[in-house]
N, C-alpha and C. Protein backbone atom coordinates (compact mmCIF):
# COMPACT_ATOMS: atom_id res chain seq x y z
N MET A 1 5.12 -5.01 19.73
CA MET A 1 4.97 -6.60 19.63
C MET A 1 5.06 -6.93 18.03
N THR A 2 6.04 -7.84 17.80
CA THR A 2 6.04 -8.23 16.52
C THR A 2 5.53 -9.57 16.24
N ALA A 3 4.46 -9.63 15.05
CA ALA A 3 3.79 -10.88 14.76
C ALA A 3 4.59 -12.06 14.22
N ILE A 4 4.42 -13.13 14.47
CA ILE A 4 5.05 -14.34 14.16
C ILE A 4 4.29 -14.65 12.69
N GLN A 5 5.04 -14.85 11.79
CA GLN A 5 4.39 -15.67 10.50
C GLN A 5 4.73 -16.96 10.22
N GLU A 6 4.20 -17.83 9.83
CA GLU A 6 4.46 -19.38 9.69
C GLU A 6 4.99 -19.28 8.27
N ASN A 7 6.28 -20.05 8.29
CA ASN A 7 6.96 -20.12 6.94
C ASN A 7 6.30 -21.13 6.07
N THR A 8 5.82 -20.43 4.95
CA THR A 8 4.92 -21.17 4.10
C THR A 8 5.83 -21.36 2.82
N ILE A 9 7.21 -20.96 2.83
CA ILE A 9 7.93 -21.12 1.38
C ILE A 9 8.29 -22.34 1.27
N GLU A 10 7.88 -23.19 0.12
CA GLU A 10 8.57 -24.40 -0.32
C GLU A 10 9.96 -24.44 -0.57
N SER A 11 10.61 -25.36 -0.04
CA SER A 11 11.99 -25.47 -0.37
C SER A 11 12.14 -25.88 -1.89
N GLU A 12 13.58 -25.76 -2.22
CA GLU A 12 13.76 -26.17 -3.59
C GLU A 12 13.52 -27.87 -3.56
N THR A 13 14.05 -28.75 -2.70
CA THR A 13 13.86 -29.95 -2.57
C THR A 13 12.45 -30.35 -2.65
N ASP A 14 11.57 -29.70 -1.90
CA ASP A 14 10.15 -30.27 -1.93
C ASP A 14 9.53 -29.75 -3.43
N LYS A 15 9.76 -28.59 -3.91
CA LYS A 15 9.37 -28.47 -5.45
C LYS A 15 9.89 -29.42 -6.19
N GLU A 16 11.21 -30.21 -5.98
CA GLU A 16 11.93 -31.14 -6.93
C GLU A 16 11.06 -32.45 -6.74
N VAL A 17 10.64 -32.57 -5.33
CA VAL A 17 9.87 -33.97 -5.05
C VAL A 17 8.51 -33.92 -5.66
N ARG A 18 7.93 -32.70 -5.78
CA ARG A 18 6.37 -32.39 -6.15
C ARG A 18 6.68 -32.60 -7.63
N GLY A 19 7.79 -32.19 -8.38
CA GLY A 19 7.84 -32.42 -9.69
C GLY A 19 7.84 -33.77 -10.18
N VAL A 20 8.22 -34.74 -9.50
CA VAL A 20 8.15 -36.29 -9.75
C VAL A 20 6.76 -36.63 -9.62
N PHE A 21 5.92 -36.13 -8.66
CA PHE A 21 4.85 -36.38 -8.77
C PHE A 21 3.99 -36.17 -9.93
N GLU A 22 4.29 -34.75 -10.41
CA GLU A 22 3.63 -34.12 -11.52
C GLU A 22 3.91 -34.85 -12.80
N ALA A 23 5.18 -35.44 -12.85
CA ALA A 23 5.50 -36.11 -14.03
C ALA A 23 4.85 -37.59 -14.19
N ILE A 24 4.83 -38.25 -12.88
CA ILE A 24 3.94 -39.32 -12.80
C ILE A 24 2.67 -39.37 -13.08
N TYR A 25 1.78 -38.38 -12.57
CA TYR A 25 0.62 -38.19 -12.78
C TYR A 25 0.19 -37.59 -14.19
N ALA A 26 1.14 -36.86 -14.72
CA ALA A 26 1.04 -36.40 -16.31
C ALA A 26 0.78 -37.72 -16.91
N ALA A 27 1.67 -38.67 -16.83
CA ALA A 27 2.05 -39.87 -17.56
C ALA A 27 0.45 -40.91 -17.39
N TRP A 28 0.36 -40.62 -16.32
CA TRP A 28 -0.91 -41.66 -15.85
C TRP A 28 -2.18 -41.09 -16.74
N ALA A 29 -2.26 -39.57 -16.81
CA ALA A 29 -3.35 -38.89 -17.53
C ALA A 29 -3.19 -39.23 -18.95
N ASP A 30 -2.04 -39.48 -19.46
CA ASP A 30 -1.66 -39.53 -20.81
C ASP A 30 -1.69 -41.44 -21.15
N ASN A 31 -2.15 -42.26 -20.32
CA ASN A 31 -2.11 -43.61 -20.29
C ASN A 31 -0.79 -44.06 -20.79
N ASP A 32 0.31 -43.44 -20.43
CA ASP A 32 1.68 -44.28 -20.82
C ASP A 32 2.27 -44.48 -19.82
N ALA A 33 2.58 -45.93 -19.97
CA ALA A 33 3.22 -46.73 -18.96
C ALA A 33 4.51 -46.57 -18.88
N ASP A 34 5.23 -46.18 -19.86
CA ASP A 34 6.50 -46.22 -19.95
C ASP A 34 7.21 -44.61 -19.32
N ALA A 35 6.39 -43.61 -19.45
CA ALA A 35 6.55 -42.26 -18.96
C ALA A 35 6.29 -42.49 -17.38
N PHE A 36 5.41 -43.30 -17.05
CA PHE A 36 4.89 -43.38 -15.74
C PHE A 36 6.13 -43.94 -15.07
N VAL A 37 6.63 -44.69 -15.47
CA VAL A 37 7.77 -45.48 -14.45
C VAL A 37 9.06 -44.97 -14.94
N ALA A 38 9.02 -43.97 -15.43
CA ALA A 38 10.55 -43.48 -15.90
C ALA A 38 11.21 -42.55 -14.66
N PRO A 39 10.49 -42.23 -13.57
CA PRO A 39 11.03 -41.54 -12.25
C PRO A 39 11.16 -42.99 -11.10
N TYR A 40 11.20 -44.04 -11.67
CA TYR A 40 11.18 -45.12 -10.65
C TYR A 40 12.51 -45.72 -10.91
N ARG A 41 13.07 -46.19 -9.78
CA ARG A 41 14.29 -46.93 -9.61
C ARG A 41 14.10 -48.15 -10.26
N GLU A 42 15.00 -49.03 -11.07
CA GLU A 42 14.91 -50.21 -11.63
C GLU A 42 14.47 -51.44 -10.57
N ASP A 43 14.81 -50.98 -9.20
CA ASP A 43 14.63 -52.16 -8.08
C ASP A 43 13.51 -51.45 -7.16
N ALA A 44 12.38 -50.70 -7.87
CA ALA A 44 11.51 -50.05 -6.98
C ALA A 44 10.62 -50.96 -6.69
N THR A 45 9.74 -50.89 -5.69
CA THR A 45 8.75 -51.86 -5.27
C THR A 45 7.54 -50.81 -4.91
N VAL A 46 6.54 -51.78 -5.12
CA VAL A 46 4.98 -51.05 -5.04
C VAL A 46 4.25 -52.03 -4.33
N VAL A 47 3.52 -51.93 -2.98
CA VAL A 47 3.03 -52.49 -2.31
C VAL A 47 1.61 -52.04 -2.03
N MET A 48 0.53 -52.57 -2.42
CA MET A 48 -0.70 -52.16 -2.14
C MET A 48 -1.77 -53.33 -1.57
N PRO A 49 -2.91 -53.25 -1.21
CA PRO A 49 -3.77 -54.71 -0.82
C PRO A 49 -3.91 -55.63 -2.27
N GLY A 50 -3.39 -56.56 -1.94
CA GLY A 50 -3.37 -57.47 -2.83
C GLY A 50 -2.31 -57.48 -4.00
N VAL A 51 -1.37 -56.56 -4.09
CA VAL A 51 -0.48 -56.35 -5.15
C VAL A 51 1.09 -56.29 -4.35
N TYR A 52 2.04 -56.83 -5.01
CA TYR A 52 3.49 -56.60 -4.48
C TYR A 52 4.24 -56.58 -6.02
N HIS A 53 4.77 -55.64 -6.60
CA HIS A 53 5.60 -55.52 -7.74
C HIS A 53 7.08 -55.47 -6.98
N ARG A 54 7.82 -56.08 -7.64
CA ARG A 54 9.21 -55.98 -7.15
C ARG A 54 10.21 -55.21 -7.82
N ASN A 55 9.86 -54.63 -8.92
CA ASN A 55 10.67 -54.03 -9.87
C ASN A 55 9.96 -52.94 -10.87
N ARG A 56 10.67 -52.35 -11.30
CA ARG A 56 10.20 -51.22 -12.26
C ARG A 56 9.52 -51.98 -13.59
N ASP A 57 10.08 -53.10 -14.20
CA ASP A 57 9.50 -53.90 -15.11
C ASP A 57 8.04 -54.52 -14.69
N GLU A 58 7.94 -55.00 -13.49
CA GLU A 58 6.61 -55.46 -13.13
C GLU A 58 5.56 -54.23 -12.91
N ILE A 59 6.00 -53.06 -12.52
CA ILE A 59 4.99 -51.87 -12.19
C ILE A 59 4.66 -51.29 -13.58
N ARG A 60 5.81 -51.32 -14.57
CA ARG A 60 5.28 -51.17 -15.95
C ARG A 60 4.15 -52.02 -16.65
N ALA A 61 4.43 -53.25 -16.48
CA ALA A 61 3.59 -54.15 -17.16
C ALA A 61 2.04 -53.77 -16.26
N SER A 62 2.10 -53.92 -14.99
CA SER A 62 0.73 -53.66 -14.48
C SER A 62 0.25 -52.42 -15.00
N MET A 63 0.82 -51.41 -14.85
CA MET A 63 0.27 -50.13 -15.41
C MET A 63 -0.28 -50.13 -16.80
N ALA A 64 0.65 -50.72 -17.60
CA ALA A 64 0.19 -51.05 -19.09
C ALA A 64 -0.94 -51.66 -19.17
N ALA A 65 -1.27 -52.83 -18.56
CA ALA A 65 -2.33 -53.79 -18.50
C ALA A 65 -3.59 -52.58 -17.94
N GLY A 66 -3.12 -51.96 -16.92
CA GLY A 66 -4.27 -51.22 -16.42
C GLY A 66 -4.72 -49.94 -17.71
N PHE A 67 -3.85 -49.11 -18.24
CA PHE A 67 -4.15 -48.25 -18.96
C PHE A 67 -4.92 -48.80 -20.41
N ASN A 68 -4.67 -50.21 -20.59
CA ASN A 68 -5.28 -50.85 -21.76
C ASN A 68 -6.67 -51.35 -21.18
N GLY A 69 -7.04 -51.45 -20.04
CA GLY A 69 -8.13 -51.92 -19.54
C GLY A 69 -8.90 -51.28 -18.50
N PRO A 70 -8.88 -51.40 -17.14
CA PRO A 70 -9.81 -50.70 -16.46
C PRO A 70 -9.45 -49.60 -16.00
N LEU A 71 -8.18 -49.03 -16.22
CA LEU A 71 -7.79 -47.73 -15.79
C LEU A 71 -7.66 -46.76 -16.97
N LYS A 72 -7.95 -47.26 -18.35
CA LYS A 72 -8.17 -46.49 -19.53
C LYS A 72 -8.99 -45.10 -19.27
N GLY A 73 -8.64 -43.98 -19.69
CA GLY A 73 -9.08 -42.79 -19.57
C GLY A 73 -9.52 -42.13 -17.81
N SER A 74 -8.65 -43.06 -17.08
CA SER A 74 -8.68 -42.57 -15.47
C SER A 74 -7.51 -41.53 -15.33
N HIS A 75 -7.78 -41.03 -14.22
CA HIS A 75 -6.64 -40.15 -13.84
C HIS A 75 -6.30 -40.16 -12.18
N ALA A 76 -5.41 -40.20 -11.78
CA ALA A 76 -4.76 -40.21 -10.29
C ALA A 76 -5.10 -38.75 -9.57
N VAL A 77 -5.17 -38.72 -8.64
CA VAL A 77 -5.13 -37.55 -7.63
C VAL A 77 -4.33 -37.96 -6.27
N ASP A 78 -3.22 -37.03 -6.09
CA ASP A 78 -2.24 -37.34 -5.16
C ASP A 78 -2.09 -36.26 -4.49
N GLU A 79 -2.10 -35.76 -3.24
CA GLU A 79 -1.75 -34.69 -2.54
C GLU A 79 -0.91 -35.00 -1.51
N PRO A 80 0.40 -34.48 -1.44
CA PRO A 80 1.11 -34.67 -0.65
C PRO A 80 0.66 -34.41 0.77
N LEU A 81 0.81 -34.82 1.98
CA LEU A 81 0.46 -34.27 3.24
C LEU A 81 1.52 -33.64 3.87
N SER A 82 2.87 -34.65 3.79
CA SER A 82 4.31 -34.15 4.50
C SER A 82 5.04 -34.52 3.26
N ILE A 83 6.14 -34.01 3.56
CA ILE A 83 7.54 -34.33 2.81
C ILE A 83 8.38 -34.15 3.87
N ARG A 84 9.36 -35.28 3.85
CA ARG A 84 10.24 -35.18 4.78
C ARG A 84 11.57 -35.55 4.45
N VAL A 85 12.80 -34.81 4.27
CA VAL A 85 14.04 -35.32 3.58
C VAL A 85 14.97 -35.60 4.62
N ILE A 86 15.59 -36.59 4.40
CA ILE A 86 16.48 -37.31 5.90
C ILE A 86 17.57 -37.74 4.81
N GLY A 87 18.95 -37.15 5.37
CA GLY A 87 20.13 -37.08 5.11
C GLY A 87 20.58 -36.31 3.57
N GLY A 88 19.58 -35.58 3.28
CA GLY A 88 19.64 -34.90 1.79
C GLY A 88 19.54 -35.66 0.61
N ASN A 89 19.40 -37.11 0.63
CA ASN A 89 19.23 -37.99 -0.50
C ASN A 89 18.13 -38.71 -0.27
N THR A 90 17.32 -38.79 0.69
CA THR A 90 16.20 -39.75 0.73
C THR A 90 14.90 -38.69 1.32
N ALA A 91 13.83 -38.80 0.40
CA ALA A 91 12.58 -38.24 0.75
C ALA A 91 11.47 -39.07 1.30
N VAL A 92 10.96 -38.88 2.19
CA VAL A 92 9.47 -39.59 2.64
C VAL A 92 8.50 -39.00 2.68
N VAL A 93 7.54 -39.34 1.65
CA VAL A 93 6.41 -38.46 1.39
C VAL A 93 5.01 -39.16 1.95
N VAL A 94 4.34 -38.67 2.52
CA VAL A 94 2.87 -39.09 2.93
C VAL A 94 1.81 -38.48 2.03
N SER A 95 0.92 -39.22 1.54
CA SER A 95 -0.09 -38.36 0.68
C SER A 95 -1.15 -38.95 0.93
N ARG A 96 -2.34 -38.30 0.42
CA ARG A 96 -3.75 -38.79 0.49
C ARG A 96 -3.99 -38.89 -1.23
N ALA A 97 -4.42 -39.91 -1.58
CA ALA A 97 -4.66 -40.33 -3.13
C ALA A 97 -5.72 -41.01 -3.31
N GLY A 98 -5.82 -41.31 -4.69
CA GLY A 98 -7.04 -42.02 -5.20
C GLY A 98 -7.14 -41.97 -6.83
N ILE A 99 -8.16 -42.92 -7.37
CA ILE A 99 -8.23 -42.78 -8.54
C ILE A 99 -9.57 -42.28 -9.16
N LEU A 100 -9.40 -41.75 -10.05
CA LEU A 100 -10.75 -41.02 -10.65
C LEU A 100 -10.86 -41.81 -11.73
N MET A 101 -12.08 -42.42 -12.03
CA MET A 101 -12.21 -43.30 -13.10
C MET A 101 -12.73 -42.68 -14.32
N ALA A 102 -12.80 -42.83 -15.53
CA ALA A 102 -13.26 -41.95 -16.55
C ALA A 102 -14.75 -41.53 -16.50
N GLY A 103 -14.76 -40.23 -16.49
CA GLY A 103 -16.09 -39.83 -16.41
C GLY A 103 -16.27 -39.29 -14.89
N GLU A 104 -15.52 -39.61 -13.93
CA GLU A 104 -15.62 -39.17 -12.47
C GLU A 104 -15.36 -37.89 -12.32
N THR A 105 -15.81 -36.95 -11.50
CA THR A 105 -15.34 -35.67 -11.06
C THR A 105 -14.99 -35.56 -9.77
N ALA A 106 -15.33 -36.48 -8.94
CA ALA A 106 -15.01 -36.56 -7.44
C ALA A 106 -14.64 -37.83 -7.12
N LEU A 107 -13.71 -37.97 -6.03
CA LEU A 107 -13.16 -39.38 -5.65
C LEU A 107 -13.93 -40.06 -4.53
N PRO A 108 -14.53 -41.13 -4.91
CA PRO A 108 -15.39 -41.69 -3.93
C PRO A 108 -14.70 -41.86 -2.74
N ALA A 109 -15.29 -41.77 -1.33
CA ALA A 109 -14.65 -41.95 -0.29
C ALA A 109 -13.76 -43.45 -0.11
N GLY A 110 -14.55 -44.40 -0.46
CA GLY A 110 -14.03 -45.68 -0.51
C GLY A 110 -12.94 -46.09 -1.33
N ARG A 111 -12.35 -45.25 -2.11
CA ARG A 111 -11.39 -45.31 -2.98
C ARG A 111 -10.27 -44.42 -2.43
N GLU A 112 -10.32 -43.68 -1.28
CA GLU A 112 -9.10 -42.80 -1.00
C GLU A 112 -8.21 -43.69 -0.24
N VAL A 113 -6.97 -43.35 -0.49
CA VAL A 113 -5.74 -44.19 0.30
C VAL A 113 -5.08 -43.05 0.70
N ILE A 114 -4.25 -43.67 1.79
CA ILE A 114 -2.97 -42.99 2.11
C ILE A 114 -1.77 -43.74 1.81
N ALA A 115 -1.04 -42.88 1.20
CA ALA A 115 0.29 -43.89 0.54
C ALA A 115 1.53 -43.18 1.30
N THR A 116 2.44 -44.10 1.33
CA THR A 116 3.94 -43.67 1.68
C THR A 116 4.94 -43.76 0.47
N TRP A 117 5.57 -42.88 0.37
CA TRP A 117 6.60 -42.90 -0.75
C TRP A 117 7.91 -42.92 -0.23
N VAL A 118 8.80 -43.34 -1.00
CA VAL A 118 10.22 -43.23 -0.72
C VAL A 118 10.81 -43.05 -1.83
N LEU A 119 11.59 -41.67 -1.78
CA LEU A 119 12.39 -41.13 -3.13
C LEU A 119 13.78 -41.01 -2.72
N VAL A 120 14.42 -41.34 -3.54
CA VAL A 120 16.13 -40.99 -3.36
C VAL A 120 16.69 -40.21 -4.52
N ARG A 121 17.57 -39.26 -4.23
CA ARG A 121 18.17 -38.59 -5.28
C ARG A 121 19.34 -39.34 -5.73
N GLN A 122 19.17 -39.54 -7.07
CA GLN A 122 20.35 -40.44 -7.61
C GLN A 122 20.82 -39.77 -8.91
N ASP A 123 22.04 -39.48 -9.01
CA ASP A 123 22.73 -38.82 -9.96
C ASP A 123 22.12 -37.37 -10.53
N GLY A 124 21.68 -36.69 -9.17
CA GLY A 124 20.75 -35.46 -9.40
C GLY A 124 19.43 -35.30 -9.32
N ASN A 125 18.90 -36.63 -9.73
CA ASN A 125 17.40 -36.70 -9.93
C ASN A 125 16.60 -37.32 -8.89
N TRP A 126 15.32 -37.10 -8.51
CA TRP A 126 14.71 -37.88 -7.37
C TRP A 126 14.04 -39.00 -8.21
N LEU A 127 14.40 -40.09 -7.59
CA LEU A 127 13.61 -41.25 -8.23
C LEU A 127 12.73 -42.31 -7.17
N VAL A 128 11.66 -42.77 -7.63
CA VAL A 128 10.85 -43.58 -6.51
C VAL A 128 11.51 -44.63 -6.42
N ALA A 129 11.73 -45.03 -5.03
CA ALA A 129 12.37 -46.35 -4.38
C ALA A 129 11.23 -47.33 -3.92
N SER A 130 10.54 -46.54 -3.53
CA SER A 130 9.22 -47.57 -3.01
C SER A 130 7.87 -46.77 -2.69
N TYR A 131 6.66 -47.54 -2.83
CA TYR A 131 5.39 -47.06 -2.82
C TYR A 131 4.57 -47.86 -2.29
N ALA A 132 3.79 -47.34 -1.02
CA ALA A 132 2.86 -48.53 -0.49
C ALA A 132 1.59 -47.48 -0.18
N ASN A 133 0.51 -48.20 0.00
CA ASN A 133 -0.69 -47.51 0.05
C ASN A 133 -1.78 -48.35 1.06
N ALA A 134 -2.60 -47.80 1.54
CA ALA A 134 -3.45 -48.54 2.49
C ALA A 134 -4.97 -47.67 2.44
N PRO A 135 -6.14 -48.26 2.46
CA PRO A 135 -7.28 -47.59 2.49
C PRO A 135 -7.20 -46.48 3.53
N ALA A 136 -7.73 -45.21 3.42
CA ALA A 136 -7.80 -44.13 4.25
C ALA A 136 -8.79 -44.56 5.37
N HIS A 137 -9.71 -45.34 4.77
CA HIS A 137 -11.13 -45.52 5.95
C HIS A 137 -11.05 -46.90 6.41
């Protein structure tokens, strides 16, 4: 009898999508709003409790204000729970995420969110088209 092994090999597309997350959160760690929004489409949207940004410029302005204020020295954690590619050029990612404020080493449960990302492949690159999150608890 042959044992059945679960396929744990990550696809090339999964690696590319995860690379977008790596770039975004490296920029966050550097408090660099320009680099943070570089992988966002011009018409990207962000929806979070109490927040609605309608384009990349609004997202950039919000992140710049945060990096110069309450988010200074913080970094984000974001672990994709699922990556689904639809039609080859759209990816829907659901992730568990949160913000570690300066000096924190663990994410307080009250700041954990579940996020949904929509990415599209444009000119060979994956770009964020939309992001939304809600409290995990």
